[in-house]
Amino acid sequence: MQKAVTSPIHFLICLIPVCCIASISAPVSAQQKEQFTQYMFNGLILNPAVAGNDEALSISFINRRQWSSVDGAPVTQTLSAHTLFDNKHTGVGISLVNDKIGVHKNQSFQGSYSYRLNVSEHACLAMGLQAGLNAYRSDYSSLLGSGLTDPKVSNGSISSTAFTVGAGLFYRNSRFSAGLSAPEIVPHKISVSDTMQISWQKSQYFLFVRYSIPLNATLELEPSMLIKYMRGVPVSYDVNACLLIKEVLTLGMSYRKQESIDFLMKAQVTPQLQVGYSYDYGTGKLSRGAGGTHELLVNYIFKYTKTNVASPR
């Protein structure tokens, strides 16, 4: 037996697709760029210029389950990998994303390329490009009513594949880093009928800054901020603060404007393996009663320290 709708956000998830089908006038905007809380630990999901920043092959996986108490709420997974070539100037990366919310599914593949210049002994500036494909599918079969006659809608399924292009800049030195990016700068629309279009993507811009402050021999504070801008939508931002303990354990908190307070933890299990977890406590009206958001991160960097061992012979 299916659970009854018990929260405003669950009701909204069910209502939005129905309104999209029934609409006869203005274009409808769907979900934009996938959202993650631990983006500061995997910058490639926001900025292609980060490719190669770990100076070794780095593979990351993130699983995010939003509004855990609501059926049909967003669930997102991303798998990314990037590396730096031996010339220390060229980086490449790939990203796979699987995103599902209600009857909507979005799967994307992106390839990234970066080129970096050493502007000083301890600082570099990277320029990045990315391109790929986004595949969208909406299955309205369980939501369709008997009064719909538009053949593009009455079959219960809408799908489309779009080519995407993005760009970014990334600067870092021993203490400070900053990135400016537009992961998808090619808008994409689907014509559902003669009177309605669904706008799946609009250009979205991200500005991320972070600074490391040594407190003593074992503690380091890393404040950071992410500013998100999209035309026609109020500017949003995240404010973050992470405490690094003995370069092994990271504890942090974030505030996402009018949306959530987030708690983060990341452990350096081995010199190569990192595991992170975050919990988002919703503060917005739609999040009340919807449950928290859980996010798991696993990162492995194929970087090993060479040691000189004297031969017994």
Protein backbone atom coordinates (compact mmCIF):
# COMPACT_ATOMS: atom_id res chain seq x y z
CA MET A 1 0.00 0.00 0.00
CA GLN A 2 1.39 3.39 -0.94
CA LYS A 3 1.97 5.99 1.73
CA ALA A 4 -0.31 8.97 1.85
CA VAL A 5 1.01 12.44 1.11
CA THR A 6 2.09 13.70 4.51
CA SER A 7 4.06 16.87 3.82
CA PRO A 8 3.86 20.01 1.68
CA ILE A 9 7.00 19.08 -0.27
CA HIS A 10 5.60 15.64 -1.19
CA PHE A 11 2.41 17.32 -2.40
CA LEU A 12 4.48 19.80 -4.43
CA ILE A 13 6.50 17.02 -6.10
CA CYS A 14 3.26 15.37 -7.25
CA LEU A 15 1.58 18.64 -8.25
CA ILE A 16 4.31 20.23 -10.39
CA PRO A 17 4.24 17.61 -13.20
CA VAL A 18 0.43 17.80 -13.40
CA CYS A 19 0.56 21.58 -13.67
CA CYS A 20 3.19 21.30 -16.42
CA ILE A 21 0.90 19.07 -18.47
CA ALA A 22 -2.21 21.12 -17.90
CA SER A 23 -0.56 24.46 -18.58
CA ILE A 24 -1.61 26.26 -21.77
CA SER A 25 0.53 29.39 -21.69
CA ALA A 26 3.86 30.34 -20.12
CA PRO A 27 7.04 28.26 -20.35
CA VAL A 28 7.85 26.12 -17.33
CA SER A 29 11.30 25.91 -15.71
CA ALA A 30 12.42 22.54 -14.39
CA GLN A 31 15.13 21.65 -11.87
CA GLN A 32 18.47 23.31 -12.55
CA LYS A 33 22.02 22.18 -11.80
CA GLU A 34 22.19 19.27 -9.36
CA GLN A 35 22.94 20.42 -5.82
CA PHE A 36 25.49 18.92 -3.46
CA THR A 37 26.64 19.94 0.02
CA GLN A 38 30.18 18.53 -0.16
CA TYR A 39 31.16 20.38 -3.35
CA MET A 40 34.18 21.86 -1.55
CA PHE A 41 35.66 18.34 -1.44
CA ASN A 42 34.94 17.63 -5.14
CA GLY A 43 35.23 20.86 -7.08
CA LEU A 44 34.93 19.22 -10.51
CA ILE A 45 31.15 18.97 -10.12
CA LEU A 46 31.00 22.79 -10.34
CA ASN A 47 34.09 23.86 -12.27
CA PRO A 48 35.90 22.09 -15.16
CA ALA A 49 39.08 24.09 -14.43
CA VAL A 50 39.56 21.97 -11.27
CA ALA A 51 40.49 18.96 -13.44
CA GLY A 52 43.98 17.88 -12.38
CA ASN A 53 44.01 19.93 -9.21
CA ASP A 54 44.86 16.89 -7.04
CA GLU A 55 47.95 16.30 -9.23
CA ALA A 56 47.14 12.59 -9.48
CA LEU A 57 44.25 10.40 -10.60
CA SER A 58 41.37 11.28 -8.27
CA ILE A 59 38.06 9.37 -8.27
CA SER A 60 35.03 10.57 -6.27
CA PHE A 61 31.53 9.24 -5.71
CA ILE A 62 28.68 11.17 -4.04
CA ASN A 63 25.24 9.82 -3.18
CA ARG A 64 22.68 12.40 -2.07
CA ARG A 65 19.19 11.64 -0.76
CA GLN A 66 17.14 14.79 -0.22
CA TRP A 67 14.12 15.08 2.11
CA SER A 68 14.46 11.53 3.42
CA SER A 69 10.88 11.32 4.73
CA VAL A 70 9.26 12.04 1.36
CA ASP A 71 8.51 9.50 -1.39
CA GLY A 72 9.67 10.72 -4.79
CA ALA A 73 12.06 13.32 -3.37
CA PRO A 74 15.34 14.04 -5.22
CA VAL A 75 17.98 11.31 -5.24
CA THR A 76 21.28 12.05 -6.98
CA GLN A 77 24.51 10.16 -7.60
CA THR A 78 27.64 11.46 -9.27
CA LEU A 79 30.87 9.67 -10.22
CA SER A 80 33.81 11.80 -11.31
CA ALA A 81 37.46 11.25 -12.11
CA HIS A 82 40.26 13.63 -13.11
CA THR A 83 44.02 13.64 -13.39
CA LEU A 84 47.00 15.81 -14.29
CA PHE A 85 49.38 14.86 -17.08
CA ASP A 86 53.12 14.60 -16.56
CA ASN A 87 53.69 18.03 -18.09
CA LYS A 88 51.95 19.49 -15.00
CA HIS A 89 49.95 21.88 -17.19
CA THR A 90 47.13 19.77 -18.66
CA GLY A 91 44.30 18.11 -16.76
CA VAL A 92 41.38 16.02 -17.97
CA GLY A 93 38.29 14.69 -16.23
CA ILE A 94 34.92 13.01 -16.66
CA SER A 95 31.70 13.28 -14.67
CA LEU A 96 28.61 11.07 -14.66
CA VAL A 97 25.39 12.20 -12.95
CA ASN A 98 22.17 10.31 -12.30
CA ASP A 99 19.42 12.52 -10.91
CA LYS A 100 15.82 11.53 -10.13
CA ILE A 101 12.94 13.56 -8.68
CA GLY A 102 9.42 12.21 -8.84
CA VAL A 103 8.67 11.26 -12.44
CA HIS A 104 11.71 13.13 -13.78
CA LYS A 105 15.08 11.52 -14.56
CA ASN A 106 18.21 13.32 -15.70
CA GLN A 107 21.40 11.53 -16.71
CA SER A 108 24.45 13.38 -17.92
CA PHE A 109 28.00 12.73 -19.08
CA GLN A 110 30.61 15.52 -19.14
CA GLY A 111 34.23 15.54 -20.28
CA SER A 112 36.51 18.27 -18.89
CA TYR A 113 39.81 19.78 -20.01
CA SER A 114 41.96 22.26 -18.10
CA TYR A 115 45.18 24.09 -18.78
CA ARG A 116 47.04 25.74 -15.94
CA LEU A 117 49.78 28.31 -15.74
CA ASN A 118 52.17 28.75 -12.84
CA VAL A 119 51.89 32.43 -11.95
CA SER A 120 54.39 32.15 -9.08
CA GLU A 121 56.31 29.48 -7.18
CA HIS A 122 53.26 28.54 -5.07
CA ALA A 123 50.32 29.74 -7.20
CA CYS A 124 48.65 28.66 -10.43
CA LEU A 125 45.74 29.75 -12.61
CA ALA A 126 43.73 27.14 -14.53
CA MET A 127 41.30 27.61 -17.41
CA GLY A 128 38.80 24.85 -18.10
CA LEU A 129 36.24 23.74 -20.68
CA GLN A 130 33.72 20.93 -20.56
CA ALA A 131 31.27 19.38 -22.99
CA GLY A 132 28.86 16.50 -22.85
CA LEU A 133 25.32 15.22 -23.13
CA ASN A 134 22.27 15.52 -20.89
CA ALA A 135 19.44 13.02 -21.28
CA TYR A 136 16.06 13.98 -19.81
CA ARG A 137 13.01 11.79 -19.37
CA SER A 138 9.68 12.46 -17.66
CA ASP A 139 7.18 9.64 -17.27
CA TYR A 140 3.73 11.04 -16.53
CA SER A 141 1.88 7.74 -16.89
CA SER A 142 0.76 7.61 -13.26
CA LEU A 143 -0.31 11.26 -13.26
CA LEU A 144 -2.25 11.55 -16.52
CA GLY A 145 -5.95 12.32 -16.49
CA SER A 146 -8.60 11.19 -18.95
CA GLY A 147 -9.19 14.70 -20.27
CA LEU A 148 -5.77 15.12 -21.96
CA THR A 149 -5.83 14.92 -25.75
CA ASP A 150 -2.48 16.40 -26.84
CA PRO A 151 -0.67 13.44 -28.48
CA LYS A 152 2.73 14.69 -27.26
CA VAL A 153 1.49 14.48 -23.68
CA SER A 154 -1.07 11.68 -23.69
CA ASN A 155 1.57 9.02 -24.37
CA GLY A 156 2.76 9.64 -20.83
CA SER A 157 6.43 10.19 -21.63
CA ILE A 158 8.60 13.12 -22.65
CA SER A 159 12.29 12.67 -23.36
CA SER A 160 15.12 14.67 -24.88
CA THR A 161 18.90 14.66 -25.24
CA ALA A 162 20.90 17.88 -25.35
CA PHE A 163 24.51 18.84 -25.96
CA THR A 164 26.03 20.98 -23.21
CA VAL A 165 29.08 23.24 -22.96
CA GLY A 166 30.64 24.80 -19.86
CA ALA A 167 33.68 26.84 -18.85
CA GLY A 168 35.54 27.92 -15.73
CA LEU A 169 38.55 29.60 -14.13
CA PHE A 170 40.34 28.39 -11.00
CA TYR A 171 43.13 30.04 -9.01
CA ARG A 172 44.94 28.64 -6.00
CA ASN A 173 48.01 29.20 -3.88
CA SER A 174 49.15 27.66 -0.61
CA ARG A 175 46.31 29.26 1.40
CA PHE A 176 43.72 30.76 -0.94
CA SER A 177 41.63 29.37 -3.78
CA ALA A 178 38.87 30.82 -5.95
CA GLY A 179 36.83 29.57 -8.89
CA LEU A 180 34.36 31.12 -11.33
CA SER A 181 32.37 28.78 -13.55
CA ALA A 182 29.34 28.29 -15.76
CA PRO A 183 28.93 24.48 -16.06
CA GLU A 184 26.14 24.66 -18.63
CA ILE A 185 25.95 27.78 -20.78
CA VAL A 186 23.73 26.41 -23.56
CA PRO A 187 20.01 26.73 -22.69
CA HIS A 188 17.82 23.74 -23.52
CA LYS A 189 14.07 23.65 -24.12
CA ILE A 190 11.56 20.98 -25.06
CA SER A 191 8.35 21.78 -26.95
CA VAL A 192 5.62 19.78 -25.25
CA SER A 193 2.81 21.29 -27.31
CA ASP A 194 2.13 24.31 -29.51
CA THR A 195 1.40 26.38 -26.42
CA MET A 196 3.91 25.11 -23.86
CA GLN A 197 7.65 24.67 -23.55
CA ILE A 198 9.67 23.21 -20.70
CA SER A 199 12.97 24.99 -20.08
CA TRP A 200 15.25 22.31 -18.65
CA GLN A 201 18.39 24.38 -18.22
CA LYS A 202 19.31 28.02 -17.95
CA SER A 203 22.82 29.38 -17.67
CA GLN A 204 23.93 29.21 -14.05
CA TYR A 205 27.08 30.82 -12.62
CA PHE A 206 29.11 29.86 -9.55
CA LEU A 207 31.73 31.82 -7.63
CA PHE A 208 33.59 29.87 -4.95
CA VAL A 209 36.26 31.26 -2.60
CA ARG A 210 38.12 29.55 0.24
CA TYR A 211 40.92 30.54 2.62
CA SER A 212 42.96 28.40 5.03
CA ILE A 213 43.89 29.87 8.43
CA PRO A 214 46.40 27.92 10.59
CA LEU A 215 45.33 28.12 14.25
CA ASN A 216 48.13 26.03 15.75
CA ALA A 217 50.24 22.98 14.94
CA THR A 218 47.21 20.66 14.74
CA LEU A 219 44.22 22.86 13.80
CA GLU A 220 43.39 24.72 10.62
CA LEU A 221 40.24 26.76 9.88
CA GLU A 222 38.87 26.91 6.32
CA PRO A 223 36.09 29.47 5.76
CA SER A 224 34.55 29.44 2.29
CA MET A 225 31.61 30.82 0.34
CA LEU A 226 29.70 29.80 -2.79
CA ILE A 227 27.61 32.40 -4.65
CA LYS A 228 25.07 31.08 -7.19
CA TYR A 229 23.50 33.27 -9.87
CA MET A 230 20.95 32.54 -12.57
CA ARG A 231 19.08 35.14 -14.58
CA GLY A 232 15.56 35.73 -13.31
CA VAL A 233 16.24 34.05 -9.94
CA PRO A 234 17.40 35.79 -6.71
CA VAL A 235 21.10 35.36 -5.97
CA SER A 236 21.73 32.48 -3.57
CA TYR A 237 24.76 31.63 -1.47
CA ASP A 238 26.33 29.10 0.89
CA VAL A 239 28.56 30.15 3.79
CA ASN A 240 30.84 27.40 5.10
CA ALA A 241 33.37 26.89 7.88
CA CYS A 242 35.47 23.73 8.21
CA LEU A 243 37.91 22.82 10.97
CA LEU A 244 40.76 20.52 9.93
CA ILE A 245 42.21 18.49 12.80
CA LYS A 246 45.73 17.07 12.35
CA GLU A 247 45.06 16.89 8.60
CA VAL A 248 42.99 13.77 9.31
CA LEU A 249 39.50 14.80 10.45
CA THR A 250 37.42 17.66 9.02
CA LEU A 251 34.34 18.99 10.84
CA GLY A 252 32.23 21.72 9.30
CA MET A 253 28.99 23.67 9.14
CA SER A 254 27.25 25.47 6.29
CA TYR A 255 24.34 27.83 5.89
CA ARG A 256 22.45 27.74 2.59
CA LYS A 257 20.35 30.87 2.09
CA GLN A 258 16.72 30.33 3.17
CA GLU A 259 17.14 26.58 2.68
CA SER A 260 19.21 24.66 5.20
CA ILE A 261 21.85 24.41 7.90
CA ASP A 262 24.34 21.70 7.02
CA PHE A 263 26.72 19.60 9.12
CA LEU A 264 29.78 18.04 7.48
CA MET A 265 32.39 15.49 8.45
CA LYS A 266 35.26 14.04 6.42
CA ALA A 267 37.89 11.52 7.53
CA GLN A 268 41.25 10.78 5.93
CA VAL A 269 41.05 7.02 6.40
CA THR A 270 44.36 6.38 4.61
CA PRO A 271 46.72 8.76 2.75
CA GLN A 272 44.71 7.94 -0.40
CA LEU A 273 41.15 7.31 0.87
CA GLN A 274 38.72 9.95 2.16
CA VAL A 275 35.17 9.36 3.37
CA GLY A 276 32.72 12.20 4.00
CA TYR A 277 29.17 12.60 5.27
CA SER A 278 26.85 15.59 5.47
CA TYR A 279 23.39 16.18 6.90
CA ASP A 280 21.20 19.08 5.79
CA TYR A 281 18.58 20.35 8.23
CA GLY A 282 15.95 22.24 6.26
CA THR A 283 15.02 25.76 7.34
CA GLY A 284 12.75 26.71 4.43
CA LYS A 285 8.96 26.38 4.54
CA LEU A 286 8.89 23.52 2.02
CA SER A 287 11.43 21.53 4.06
CA ARG A 288 9.39 21.41 7.26
CA GLY A 289 8.32 17.86 8.00
CA ALA A 290 10.19 16.54 4.97
CA GLY A 291 13.08 15.02 6.89
CA GLY A 292 16.77 15.75 6.56
CA THR A 293 19.05 15.34 3.58
CA HIS A 294 21.86 12.76 3.71
CA GLU A 295 24.95 12.83 1.53
CA LEU A 296 27.82 10.34 1.39
CA LEU A 297 31.18 11.04 -0.26
CA VAL A 298 33.99 8.60 -1.10
CA ASN A 299 37.22 9.86 -2.69
CA TYR A 300 40.36 7.96 -3.64
CA ILE A 301 43.55 9.66 -4.88
CA PHE A 302 46.17 7.48 -6.54
CA LYS A 303 49.07 9.38 -5.02
CA TYR A 304 51.76 7.52 -3.12
CA THR A 305 54.77 8.75 -1.19
CA LYS A 306 58.06 7.37 -2.39
CA THR A 307 60.54 6.30 0.24
CA ASN A 308 64.22 5.50 -0.21
CA VAL A 309 64.96 1.95 0.89
CA ALA A 310 68.58 0.78 1.05
CA SER A 311 69.18 -2.51 -0.72
CA PRO A 312 70.53 -5.23 1.57
CA ARG A 313 72.88 -6.23 -1.26
